[in-house]
């Protein structure tokens, strides 16, 4: 039980720190920072796998599942947003010839 309390405490502290850090970033920078967030959430998913290997409580499994789902959503969403952002900077073949769409 003490390890569960420590795990929950770490989860809550990480959540509060994450909200505090993201809350101070201007909205115009959220999209470019999404690419960097992918690596951080990848680390979170690796951490989830490591914690899952030693979990022995149903509540721990709930937190593990929650962390895995949210981390995976952020990684996939980050790549989708990054791909869209990169597409905005690619020019089409018509624009290269001097024609406008």
C-alpha atoms as a PDB file:
ATOM      1  CA  UNK A   1       0.000   0.000   0.000  1.00  0.00           C
ATOM      2  CA  UNK A   2       2.776   2.551   0.688  1.00  0.00           C
ATOM      3  CA  UNK A   3       4.106   2.159  -2.871  1.00  0.00           C
ATOM      4  CA  UNK A   4       0.628   2.865  -4.206  1.00  0.00           C
ATOM      5  CA  UNK A   5       0.448   6.073  -2.179  1.00  0.00           C
ATOM      6  CA  UNK A   6       3.872   7.086  -3.475  1.00  0.00           C
ATOM      7  CA  UNK A   7       2.806   6.303  -7.057  1.00  0.00           C
ATOM      8  CA  UNK A   8      -0.384   8.343  -6.723  1.00  0.00           C
ATOM      9  CA  UNK A   9       1.551  11.219  -5.150  1.00  0.00           C
ATOM     10  CA  UNK A  10       4.076  11.215  -7.996  1.00  0.00           C
ATOM     11  CA  UNK A  11       1.266  11.070 -10.550  1.00  0.00           C
ATOM     12  CA  UNK A  12      -0.517  14.062  -9.002  1.00  0.00           C
ATOM     13  CA  UNK A  13       2.704  16.074  -8.686  1.00  0.00           C
ATOM     14  CA  UNK A  14       3.632  15.357 -12.306  1.00  0.00           C
ATOM     15  CA  UNK A  15       0.136  16.378 -13.368  1.00  0.00           C
ATOM     16  CA  UNK A  16       0.316  19.666 -11.469  1.00  0.00           C
ATOM     17  CA  UNK A  17       3.792  20.486 -12.768  1.00  0.00           C
ATOM     18  CA  UNK A  18       2.724  19.682 -16.337  1.00  0.00           C
ATOM     19  CA  UNK A  19      -0.315  21.938 -16.078  1.00  0.00           C
ATOM     20  CA  UNK A  20       1.787  24.731 -14.608  1.00  0.00           C
ATOM     21  CA  UNK A  21       4.409  24.501 -17.365  1.00  0.00           C
ATOM     22  CA  UNK A  22       1.928  24.282 -20.252  1.00  0.00           C
ATOM     23  CA  UNK A  23      -0.274  27.011 -18.776  1.00  0.00           C
ATOM     24  CA  UNK A  24       2.532  29.562 -19.178  1.00  0.00           C
ATOM     25  CA  UNK A  25       3.154  28.819 -22.864  1.00  0.00           C
ATOM     26  CA  UNK A  26       1.400  31.200 -25.282  1.00  0.00           C
ATOM     27  CA  UNK A  27      -1.235  29.556 -27.464  1.00  0.00           C
ATOM     28  CA  UNK A  28       0.706  30.392 -30.643  1.00  0.00           C
ATOM     29  CA  UNK A  29       3.538  28.106 -29.535  1.00  0.00           C
ATOM     30  CA  UNK A  30       1.465  25.024 -28.702  1.00  0.00           C
ATOM     31  CA  UNK A  31       1.622  23.570 -32.227  1.00  0.00           C
ATOM     32  CA  UNK A  32       5.414  23.834 -32.682  1.00  0.00           C
ATOM     33  CA  UNK A  33       5.960  22.419 -29.211  1.00  0.00           C
ATOM     34  CA  UNK A  34       3.825  19.380 -30.022  1.00  0.00           C
ATOM     35  CA  UNK A  35       6.785  17.761 -31.796  1.00  0.00           C
ATOM     36  CA  UNK A  36       8.935  18.069 -28.699  1.00  0.00           C
ATOM     37  CA  UNK A  37       6.131  16.731 -26.548  1.00  0.00           C
ATOM     38  CA  UNK A  38       6.141  13.508 -28.560  1.00  0.00           C
ATOM     39  CA  UNK A  39       9.491  12.475 -27.112  1.00  0.00           C
ATOM     40  CA  UNK A  40       8.370  13.301 -23.572  1.00  0.00           C
ATOM     41  CA  UNK A  41       5.196  11.256 -23.956  1.00  0.00           C
ATOM     42  CA  UNK A  42       7.225   8.427 -25.442  1.00  0.00           C
ATOM     43  CA  UNK A  43       9.234   8.414 -22.212  1.00  0.00           C
ATOM     44  CA  UNK A  44       5.958   8.349 -20.265  1.00  0.00           C
ATOM     45  CA  UNK A  45       4.868   5.257 -22.180  1.00  0.00           C
ATOM     46  CA  UNK A  46       8.192   3.536 -21.440  1.00  0.00           C
ATOM     47  CA  UNK A  47       7.708   4.430 -17.770  1.00  0.00           C
ATOM     48  CA  UNK A  48       4.214   2.952 -17.859  1.00  0.00           C
ATOM     49  CA  UNK A  49       5.610  -0.331 -19.158  1.00  0.00           C
ATOM     50  CA  UNK A  50       8.232  -0.407 -16.407  1.00  0.00           C
ATOM     51  CA  UNK A  51       5.687   0.367 -13.692  1.00  0.00           C
ATOM     52  CA  UNK A  52       3.245  -2.191 -15.118  1.00  0.00           C
ATOM     53  CA  UNK A  53       5.846  -4.924 -14.662  1.00  0.00           C
ATOM     54  CA  UNK A  54       5.773  -4.425 -10.890  1.00  0.00           C
ATOM     55  CA  UNK A  55       2.135  -3.450 -10.334  1.00  0.00           C
ATOM     56  CA  UNK A  56       0.141  -5.554  -7.916  1.00  0.00           C
ATOM     57  CA  UNK A  57      -2.965  -3.487  -7.211  1.00  0.00           C
ATOM     58  CA  UNK A  58      -6.164  -3.020  -9.220  1.00  0.00           C
ATOM     59  CA  UNK A  59      -5.943   0.739  -8.650  1.00  0.00           C
ATOM     60  CA  UNK A  60      -2.381   0.716  -9.970  1.00  0.00           C
ATOM     61  CA  UNK A  61      -3.614  -1.011 -13.120  1.00  0.00           C
ATOM     62  CA  UNK A  62      -6.228   1.715 -13.562  1.00  0.00           C
ATOM     63  CA  UNK A  63      -3.550   4.422 -13.363  1.00  0.00           C
ATOM     64  CA  UNK A  64      -1.268   2.427 -15.664  1.00  0.00           C
ATOM     65  CA  UNK A  65      -4.031   2.082 -18.238  1.00  0.00           C
ATOM     66  CA  UNK A  66      -4.914   5.772 -17.943  1.00  0.00           C
ATOM     67  CA  UNK A  67      -1.287   6.856 -18.376  1.00  0.00           C
ATOM     68  CA  UNK A  68      -0.795   4.531 -21.347  1.00  0.00           C
ATOM     69  CA  UNK A  69      -3.940   5.720 -23.128  1.00  0.00           C
ATOM     70  CA  UNK A  70      -3.303   9.421 -22.537  1.00  0.00           C
ATOM     71  CA  UNK A  71       0.384   9.153 -23.449  1.00  0.00           C
ATOM     72  CA  UNK A  72      -0.425   7.269 -26.644  1.00  0.00           C
ATOM     73  CA  UNK A  73      -3.103   9.799 -27.586  1.00  0.00           C
ATOM     74  CA  UNK A  74      -0.606  12.619 -27.144  1.00  0.00           C
ATOM     75  CA  UNK A  75       2.074  10.895 -29.229  1.00  0.00           C
ATOM     76  CA  UNK A  76      -0.322  10.130 -32.088  1.00  0.00           C
ATOM     77  CA  UNK A  77      -1.930  13.574 -31.908  1.00  0.00           C
ATOM     78  CA  UNK A  78       1.480  15.209 -31.888  1.00  0.00           C
ATOM     79  CA  UNK A  79       2.525  13.444 -35.052  1.00  0.00           C
ATOM     80  CA  UNK A  80      -0.765  14.326 -36.763  1.00  0.00           C
ATOM     81  CA  UNK A  81      -0.405  18.001 -35.836  1.00  0.00           C
ATOM     82  CA  UNK A  82       3.259  18.040 -36.853  1.00  0.00           C
ATOM     83  CA  UNK A  83       2.405  16.480 -40.212  1.00  0.00           C
ATOM     84  CA  UNK A  84      -0.293  19.093 -40.836  1.00  0.00           C
ATOM     85  CA  UNK A  85       2.093  21.863 -39.841  1.00  0.00           C
ATOM     86  CA  UNK A  86       4.766  20.584 -42.240  1.00  0.00           C
ATOM     87  CA  UNK A  87       2.202  20.296 -45.060  1.00  0.00           C
ATOM     88  CA  UNK A  88       1.493  24.025 -44.698  1.00  0.00           C
ATOM     89  CA  UNK A  89       5.081  24.811 -45.648  1.00  0.00           C
ATOM     90  CA  UNK A  90       5.223  22.567 -48.703  1.00  0.00           C
ATOM     91  CA  UNK A  91       4.468  24.231 -51.988  1.00  0.00           C
ATOM     92  CA  UNK A  92       2.445  22.506 -54.653  1.00  0.00           C
ATOM     93  CA  UNK A  93       3.692  21.859 -58.195  1.00  0.00           C
ATOM     94  CA  UNK A  94       1.459  24.634 -59.560  1.00  0.00           C
ATOM     95  CA  UNK A  95       2.913  27.214 -57.221  1.00  0.00           C
ATOM     96  CA  UNK A  96       6.439  26.241 -58.279  1.00  0.00           C
ATOM     97  CA  UNK A  97       5.559  27.078 -61.892  1.00  0.00           C
ATOM     98  CA  UNK A  98       4.287  30.497 -60.872  1.00  0.00           C
ATOM     99  CA  UNK A  99       0.592  29.627 -61.136  1.00  0.00           C
ATOM    100  CA  UNK A 100      -1.834  30.160 -58.333  1.00  0.00           C
ATOM    101  CA  UNK A 101      -4.518  27.678 -57.377  1.00  0.00           C
END
